[in-house]
C-alpha atoms as a PDB file:
ATOM      1  CA  MET A   1       0.000   0.000   0.000  1.00  0.00           C
ATOM      2  CA  SER A   2       1.557   3.295  -1.104  1.00  0.00           C
ATOM      3  CA  ILE A   3       1.701   6.374   1.123  1.00  0.00           C
ATOM      4  CA  PRO A   4      -0.372   9.319  -0.183  1.00  0.00           C
ATOM      5  CA  ALA A   5       1.766  12.057  -1.704  1.00  0.00           C
ATOM      6  CA  THR A   6       0.244  14.734   0.551  1.00  0.00           C
ATOM      7  CA  LYS A   7       1.208  12.756   3.640  1.00  0.00           C
ATOM      8  CA  VAL A   8       4.768  12.349   2.343  1.00  0.00           C
ATOM      9  CA  LEU A   9       5.094  16.086   1.703  1.00  0.00           C
ATOM     10  CA  HIS A  10       3.600  16.873   5.096  1.00  0.00           C
ATOM     11  CA  ALA A  11       6.128  14.634   6.848  1.00  0.00           C
ATOM     12  CA  ARG A  12       8.995  16.212   4.906  1.00  0.00           C
ATOM     13  CA  ALA A  13       7.829  19.718   5.807  1.00  0.00           C
ATOM     14  CA  ARG A  14       7.599  18.781   9.489  1.00  0.00           C
ATOM     15  CA  LEU A  15      11.103  17.318   9.384  1.00  0.00           C
ATOM     16  CA  LEU A  16      12.542  20.451   7.788  1.00  0.00           C
ATOM     17  CA  LYS A  17      10.779  22.674  10.305  1.00  0.00           C
ATOM     18  CA  ALA A  18      12.018  20.602  13.248  1.00  0.00           C
ATOM     19  CA  ALA A  19      15.548  20.349  11.851  1.00  0.00           C
ATOM     20  CA  THR A  20      15.692  24.097  11.200  1.00  0.00           C
ATOM     21  CA  ALA A  21      14.805  24.877  14.815  1.00  0.00           C
ATOM     22  CA  LEU A  22      17.297  22.365  16.226  1.00  0.00           C
ATOM     23  CA  PHE A  23      20.202  23.218  13.916  1.00  0.00           C
ATOM     24  CA  ALA A  24      19.672  26.910  14.712  1.00  0.00           C
ATOM     25  CA  ALA A  25      19.612  26.215  18.457  1.00  0.00           C
ATOM     26  CA  LYS A  26      22.424  23.637  18.718  1.00  0.00           C
ATOM     27  CA  GLY A  27      24.332  23.490  15.455  1.00  0.00           C
ATOM     28  CA  PHE A  28      24.992  20.493  13.228  1.00  0.00           C
ATOM     29  CA  HIS A  29      27.201  18.396  15.506  1.00  0.00           C
ATOM     30  CA  GLU A  30      25.037  18.654  18.629  1.00  0.00           C
ATOM     31  CA  THR A  31      21.788  17.813  16.827  1.00  0.00           C
ATOM     32  CA  SER A  32      20.924  14.153  16.307  1.00  0.00           C
ATOM     33  CA  THR A  33      18.500  12.678  13.828  1.00  0.00           C
ATOM     34  CA  ARG A  34      16.698  11.103  16.783  1.00  0.00           C
ATOM     35  CA  GLU A  35      16.021  14.582  18.208  1.00  0.00           C
ATOM     36  CA  VAL A  36      14.779  15.806  14.841  1.00  0.00           C
ATOM     37  CA  ALA A  37      12.419  12.841  14.529  1.00  0.00           C
ATOM     38  CA  ARG A  38      11.122  13.356  18.070  1.00  0.00           C
ATOM     39  CA  LYS A  39      10.458  17.044  17.489  1.00  0.00           C
ATOM     40  CA  ALA A  40       8.765  16.314  14.146  1.00  0.00           C
ATOM     41  CA  ARG A  41       6.712  13.539  15.779  1.00  0.00           C
ATOM     42  CA  VAL A  42       7.789  10.860  13.327  1.00  0.00           C
ATOM     43  CA  ASN A  43       9.831   7.678  13.478  1.00  0.00           C
ATOM     44  CA  GLU A  44      13.565   8.252  13.008  1.00  0.00           C
ATOM     45  CA  ILE A  45      13.580   5.978   9.961  1.00  0.00           C
ATOM     46  CA  THR A  46      11.245   8.465   8.268  1.00  0.00           C
ATOM     47  CA  ILE A  47      14.148  10.905   8.037  1.00  0.00           C
ATOM     48  CA  PHE A  48      16.119   8.477   5.906  1.00  0.00           C
ATOM     49  CA  ARG A  49      13.168   7.949   3.580  1.00  0.00           C
ATOM     50  CA  HIS A  50      13.372  11.634   2.690  1.00  0.00           C
ATOM     51  CA  PHE A  51      17.070  12.389   3.138  1.00  0.00           C
ATOM     52  CA  LYS A  52      20.124  10.252   2.517  1.00  0.00           C
ATOM     53  CA  ASN A  53      21.746  11.246   5.808  1.00  0.00           C
ATOM     54  CA  LYS A  54      21.964  14.063   8.358  1.00  0.00           C
ATOM     55  CA  GLN A  55      24.270  16.047   6.085  1.00  0.00           C
ATOM     56  CA  GLU A  56      21.676  16.088   3.305  1.00  0.00           C
ATOM     57  CA  LEU A  57      18.991  17.143   5.775  1.00  0.00           C
ATOM     58  CA  TYR A  58      21.260  19.974   6.944  1.00  0.00           C
ATOM     59  CA  LEU A  59      21.921  21.016   3.362  1.00  0.00           C
ATOM     60  CA  GLN A  60      18.190  21.169   2.647  1.00  0.00           C
ATOM     61  CA  VAL A  61      17.660  23.333   5.729  1.00  0.00           C
ATOM     62  CA  LEU A  62      20.348  25.765   4.599  1.00  0.00           C
ATOM     63  CA  ASN A  63      18.999  25.833   1.049  1.00  0.00           C
ATOM     64  CA  SER A  64      15.442  26.489   2.217  1.00  0.00           C
ATOM     65  CA  ARG A  65      16.486  29.419   4.417  1.00  0.00           C
ATOM     66  CA  LEU A  66      19.236  30.918   2.276  1.00  0.00           C
ATOM     67  CA  GLY A  67      17.002  30.734  -0.778  1.00  0.00           C
ATOM     68  CA  LEU A  68      15.012  33.579   0.770  1.00  0.00           C
ATOM     69  CA  MET A  69      17.955  35.900   0.071  1.00  0.00           C
ATOM     70  CA  VAL A  70      16.639  36.408  -3.458  1.00  0.00           C
ATOM     71  CA  PRO A  71      12.834  36.257  -3.238  1.00  0.00           C
ATOM     72  CA  GLU A  72      10.873  35.698  -6.427  1.00  0.00           C
ATOM     73  CA  SER A  73       9.298  39.120  -5.966  1.00  0.00           C
ATOM     74  CA  LEU A  74      12.642  40.975  -5.964  1.00  0.00           C
ATOM     75  CA  ILE A  75      13.160  41.480  -9.704  1.00  0.00           C
ATOM     76  CA  PRO A  76       9.498  42.338 -10.491  1.00  0.00           C
ATOM     77  CA  ARG A  77       9.530  44.781  -7.579  1.00  0.00           C
ATOM     78  CA  LEU A  78      12.643  46.526  -8.843  1.00  0.00           C
ATOM     79  CA  ARG A  79      11.243  46.775 -12.354  1.00  0.00           C
ATOM     80  CA  SER A  80       7.705  47.798 -11.438  1.00  0.00           C
ATOM     81  CA  SER A  81       8.364  50.876  -9.331  1.00  0.00           C
ATOM     82  CA  GLY A  82       9.756  54.169 -10.519  1.00  0.00           C
ATOM     83  CA  ASN A  83      10.052  55.380  -6.924  1.00  0.00           C
ATOM     84  CA  CYS A  84      13.406  54.149  -5.660  1.00  0.00           C
ATOM     85  CA  GLU A  85      12.620  55.249  -2.098  1.00  0.00           C
ATOM     86  CA  GLU A  86       9.681  52.825  -2.008  1.00  0.00           C
ATOM     87  CA  VAL A  87      11.898  50.064  -3.415  1.00  0.00           C
ATOM     88  CA  PHE A  88      14.643  50.636  -0.839  1.00  0.00           C
ATOM     89  CA  LEU A  89      12.119  50.728   2.013  1.00  0.00           C
ATOM     90  CA  TRP A  90      10.607  47.444   0.829  1.00  0.00           C
ATOM     91  CA  LEU A  91      14.092  45.959   0.562  1.00  0.00           C
ATOM     92  CA  ALA A  92      15.102  47.155   4.036  1.00  0.00           C
ATOM     93  CA  GLU A  93      11.921  45.683   5.531  1.00  0.00           C
ATOM     94  CA  HIS A  94      12.492  42.384   3.688  1.00  0.00           C
ATOM     95  CA  LEU A  95      16.066  42.153   5.009  1.00  0.00           C
ATOM     96  CA  HIS A  96      14.960  43.076   8.525  1.00  0.00           C
ATOM     97  CA  GLU A  97      12.415  40.243   8.450  1.00  0.00           C
ATOM     98  CA  LEU A  98      14.766  37.762   6.776  1.00  0.00           C
ATOM     99  CA  LEU A  99      17.654  38.247   9.209  1.00  0.00           C
ATOM    100  CA  ASP A 100      15.769  36.814  12.163  1.00  0.00           C
ATOM    101  CA  PRO A 101      17.465  34.860  15.011  1.00  0.00           C
ATOM    102  CA  VAL A 102      16.914  31.500  13.275  1.00  0.00           C
ATOM    103  CA  PHE A 103      18.547  32.671  10.036  1.00  0.00           C
ATOM    104  CA  LEU A 104      21.461  34.318  11.828  1.00  0.00           C
ATOM    105  CA  ARG A 105      22.139  31.340  14.097  1.00  0.00           C
ATOM    106  CA  LEU A 106      22.023  28.933  11.169  1.00  0.00           C
ATOM    107  CA  VAL A 107      24.552  31.044   9.294  1.00  0.00           C
ATOM    108  CA  PHE A 108      26.856  31.482  12.282  1.00  0.00           C
ATOM    109  CA  TYR A 109      26.795  27.796  13.240  1.00  0.00           C
ATOM    110  CA  ALA A 110      27.396  26.833   9.607  1.00  0.00           C
ATOM    111  CA  ALA A 111      30.310  29.276   9.380  1.00  0.00           C
ATOM    112  CA  LEU A 112      31.935  27.571  12.381  1.00  0.00           C
ATOM    113  CA  GLU A 113      31.061  23.940  11.658  1.00  0.00           C
ATOM    114  CA  LYS A 114      30.581  23.656   7.899  1.00  0.00           C
ATOM    115  CA  PRO A 115      32.260  26.680   6.280  1.00  0.00           C
ATOM    116  CA  GLU A 116      32.717  25.033   2.872  1.00  0.00           C
ATOM    117  CA  LEU A 117      29.088  23.904   2.799  1.00  0.00           C
ATOM    118  CA  LEU A 118      27.911  27.376   3.788  1.00  0.00           C
ATOM    119  CA  LYS A 119      30.057  28.944   1.097  1.00  0.00           C
ATOM    120  CA  LYS A 120      28.633  26.550  -1.479  1.00  0.00           C
ATOM    121  CA  CYS A 121      25.046  27.387  -0.491  1.00  0.00           C
ATOM    122  CA  TYR A 122      25.368  31.029   0.445  1.00  0.00           C
ATOM    123  CA  SER A 123      27.883  32.601  -1.928  1.00  0.00           C
ATOM    124  CA  PRO A 124      25.933  32.081  -5.213  1.00  0.00           C
ATOM    125  CA  ARG A 125      22.735  33.452  -3.679  1.00  0.00           C
ATOM    126  CA  LEU A 126      24.471  36.405  -2.080  1.00  0.00           C
ATOM    127  CA  LEU A 127      26.303  37.194  -5.317  1.00  0.00           C
ATOM    128  CA  SER A 128      23.048  36.975  -7.286  1.00  0.00           C
ATOM    129  CA  PHE A 129      21.312  39.249  -4.790  1.00  0.00           C
ATOM    130  CA  HIS A 130      24.035  41.910  -4.973  1.00  0.00           C
ATOM    131  CA  GLU A 131      24.251  41.697  -8.756  1.00  0.00           C
ATOM    132  CA  ILE A 132      20.503  42.280  -9.108  1.00  0.00           C
ATOM    133  CA  LEU A 133      20.576  45.116  -6.578  1.00  0.00           C
ATOM    134  CA  GLY A 134      23.737  46.606  -8.084  1.00  0.00           C
ATOM    135  CA  GLU A 135      22.227  46.665 -11.574  1.00  0.00           C
ATOM    136  CA  TYR A 136      19.169  48.477 -10.233  1.00  0.00           C
ATOM    137  CA  MET A 137      21.316  51.026  -8.419  1.00  0.00           C
ATOM    138  CA  GLN A 138      23.554  51.550 -11.450  1.00  0.00           C
ATOM    139  CA  GLU A 139      20.465  52.341 -13.532  1.00  0.00           C
ATOM    140  CA  ARG A 140      19.478  54.962 -10.943  1.00  0.00           C
ATOM    141  CA  ILE A 141      23.029  56.347 -10.928  1.00  0.00           C
ATOM    142  CA  ASP A 142      22.969  56.624 -14.724  1.00  0.00           C
ATOM    143  CA  GLY A 143      19.579  58.325 -14.458  1.00  0.00           C
ATOM    144  CA  GLY A 144      20.949  60.964 -12.095  1.00  0.00           C
ATOM    145  CA  VAL A 145      18.924  59.832  -9.068  1.00  0.00           C
ATOM    146  CA  LEU A 146      21.745  58.376  -6.958  1.00  0.00           C
ATOM    147  CA  ARG A 147      25.307  59.586  -6.399  1.00  0.00           C
ATOM    148  CA  ASN A 148      27.971  58.321  -8.751  1.00  0.00           C
ATOM    149  CA  VAL A 149      29.669  55.837  -6.419  1.00  0.00           C
ATOM    150  CA  ASP A 150      30.281  52.102  -6.703  1.00  0.00           C
ATOM    151  CA  ALA A 151      26.815  50.551  -7.075  1.00  0.00           C
ATOM    152  CA  MET A 152      27.761  47.183  -5.555  1.00  0.00           C
ATOM    153  CA  GLN A 153      29.293  48.793  -2.475  1.00  0.00           C
ATOM    154  CA  MET A 154      26.270  51.045  -2.158  1.00  0.00           C
ATOM    155  CA  GLY A 155      24.072  47.940  -1.995  1.00  0.00           C
ATOM    156  CA  ARG A 156      26.368  46.231   0.499  1.00  0.00           C
ATOM    157  CA  ALA A 157      26.166  49.303   2.734  1.00  0.00           C
ATOM    158  CA  LEU A 158      22.369  49.048   2.988  1.00  0.00           C
ATOM    159  CA  VAL A 159      22.507  45.306   3.673  1.00  0.00           C
ATOM    160  CA  GLY A 160      25.290  45.850   6.217  1.00  0.00           C
ATOM    161  CA  ILE A 161      23.318  48.405   8.227  1.00  0.00           C
ATOM    162  CA  ILE A 162      20.320  46.094   8.546  1.00  0.00           C
ATOM    163  CA  ALA A 163      22.456  43.024   9.245  1.00  0.00           C
ATOM    164  CA  TYR A 164      24.423  44.801  11.988  1.00  0.00           C
ATOM    165  CA  ASP A 165      21.228  45.980  13.662  1.00  0.00           C
ATOM    166  CA  GLN A 166      19.746  42.478  13.656  1.00  0.00           C
ATOM    167  CA  ILE A 167      22.955  40.839  14.909  1.00  0.00           C
ATOM    168  CA  LEU A 168      23.226  43.381  17.718  1.00  0.00           C
ATOM    169  CA  SER A 169      19.558  43.152  18.648  1.00  0.00           C
ATOM    170  CA  GLN A 170      18.827  39.466  18.143  1.00  0.00           C
ATOM    171  CA  LEU A 171      22.066  37.743  19.130  1.00  0.00           C
ATOM    172  CA  LEU A 172      24.064  40.053  21.362  1.00  0.00           C
ATOM    173  CA  GLY A 173      21.569  41.608  23.720  1.00  0.00           C
ATOM    174  CA  GLY A 174      18.061  41.735  22.347  1.00  0.00           C
ATOM    175  CA  GLY A 175      16.001  44.579  23.754  1.00  0.00           C
ATOM    176  CA  ASP A 176      18.757  45.672  26.150  1.00  0.00           C
ATOM    177  CA  PHE A 177      20.437  47.815  23.487  1.00  0.00           C
ATOM    178  CA  PRO A 178      19.047  51.341  22.951  1.00  0.00           C
ATOM    179  CA  GLY A 179      16.957  51.485  19.801  1.00  0.00           C
ATOM    180  CA  SER A 180      16.533  47.724  19.588  1.00  0.00           C
ATOM    181  CA  ASN A 181      13.238  46.244  18.414  1.00  0.00           C
ATOM    182  CA  SER A 182      11.988  49.568  17.121  1.00  0.00           C
ATOM    183  CA  PRO A 183       8.993  49.029  14.818  1.00  0.00           C
ATOM    184  CA  ASN A 184      10.399  51.681  12.475  1.00  0.00           C
ATOM    185  CA  ALA A 185      13.996  50.397  12.455  1.00  0.00           C
ATOM    186  CA  ALA A 186      14.030  49.397   8.779  1.00  0.00           C
ATOM    187  CA  LYS A 187      12.598  52.754   7.686  1.00  0.00           C
ATOM    188  CA  THR A 188      14.998  54.721   9.911  1.00  0.00           C
ATOM    189  CA  TYR A 189      18.069  52.889   8.641  1.00  0.00           C
ATOM    190  CA  MET A 190      16.915  53.220   5.045  1.00  0.00           C
ATOM    191  CA  GLU A 191      16.457  56.972   5.537  1.00  0.00           C
ATOM    192  CA  ILE A 192      19.957  57.328   7.038  1.00  0.00           C
ATOM    193  CA  TRP A 193      21.473  55.222   4.258  1.00  0.00           C
ATOM    194  CA  LEU A 194      19.647  57.071   1.489  1.00  0.00           C
ATOM    195  CA  ARG A 195      19.948  60.662   2.715  1.00  0.00           C
ATOM    196  CA  GLY A 196      22.776  60.545   5.235  1.00  0.00           C
ATOM    197  CA  ALA A 197      22.835  61.885   8.765  1.00  0.00           C
ATOM    198  CA  LEU A 198      23.663  65.527   7.966  1.00  0.00           C
ATOM    199  CA  LYS A 199      20.845  68.022   7.573  1.00  0.00           C
ATOM    200  CA  PRO A 200      20.720  69.504   4.054  1.00  0.00           C
ATOM    201  CA  ASP A 201      21.650  72.970   5.378  1.00  0.00           C
ATOM    202  CA  ALA A 202      24.231  71.762   7.917  1.00  0.00           C
ATOM    203  CA  PRO A 203      27.858  72.917   7.601  1.00  0.00           C
ATOM    204  CA  ALA A 204      30.265  70.329   6.281  1.00  0.00           C
ATOM    205  CA  ARG A 205      32.487  70.682   9.352  1.00  0.00           C
ATOM    206  CA  TRP A 206      31.338  70.653  12.967  1.00  0.00           C
ATOM    207  CA  HIS A 207      32.820  73.299  15.284  1.00  0.00           C
ATOM    208  CA  SER A 208      33.008  72.859  19.025  1.00  0.00           C
ATOM    209  CA  PRO A 209      31.766  75.715  21.236  1.00  0.00           C
ATOM    210  CA  GLY A 210      34.272  78.558  21.289  1.00  0.00           C
ATOM    211  CA  GLU A 211      36.242  77.279  18.307  1.00  0.00           C
ATOM    212  CA  SER A 212      36.960  79.811  15.646  1.00  0.00           C
ATOM    213  CA  ARG A 213      35.325  78.945  12.362  1.00  0.00           C
ATOM    214  CA  THR A 214      38.332  80.396  10.574  1.00  0.00           C
ATOM    215  CA  GLN A 215      40.854  78.021  12.118  1.00  0.00           C
ATOM    216  CA  ALA A 216      40.811  75.580   9.241  1.00  0.00           C
ATOM    217  CA  PRO A 217      38.999  75.336   5.937  1.00  0.00           C
ATOM    218  CA  ASP A 218      36.371  72.698   5.432  1.00  0.00           C
ATOM    219  CA  PRO A 219      37.802  69.540   3.880  1.00  0.00           C
ATOM    220  CA  ALA A 220      37.515  69.157   0.146  1.00  0.00           C
ATOM    221  CA  PRO A 221      34.561  67.083  -1.003  1.00  0.00           C
ATOM    222  CA  TRP A 222      35.155  63.503  -2.006  1.00  0.00           C
ATOM    223  CA  PRO A 223      35.998  63.171  -5.673  1.00  0.00           C
ATOM    224  CA  VAL A 224      33.270  61.777  -7.855  1.00  0.00           C
ATOM    225  CA  ARG A 225      34.278  59.094 -10.308  1.00  0.00           C
ATOM    226  CA  PRO A 226      33.815  60.064 -13.954  1.00  0.00           C
END
């Protein structure tokens, strides 16, 4: 008697969900297939009907989570909106949601325990993500909307701000850090990244109280690449 396909898929989904939680909490080496089976409420042999071994199960967990780096909606979203501020806000919110404690712990454990496997899974997706984002930013640079700086580094800066905030908040102190868990964090960081921290009418150089404003000229602006 064959097992219905829906039941097979349901068991696989439960296994992946259980394995994701355990690998994120304990890493690869400290998680056993018996624990995964117990958490998924299946017999341990069920794991080996779906996955060749624990390594393949781990690989599927990484693939399922890291695949979210480049969501299917990314390219249509970039192409459909002429308002880059809306696009960057959507992107910042997506990254803020993606880089949750489970994702971060999976990546950090993998970096320590399975660096080559992580590189194999993560690098192509990350490269694809930055290429897509860089192309979009380069189009906006060519159109005179964004400053003429390296488009790929510009994209990495936005990702880096969000990633740092989530690492600090989710892994290194949670709500104990000032500004953590703010509902408007993604929007605030996007605004700082897009417009900078200086007010439009602010002087380029800050002067301490009592300092003569004629002591030294303001530094020359950064050169813009041709």
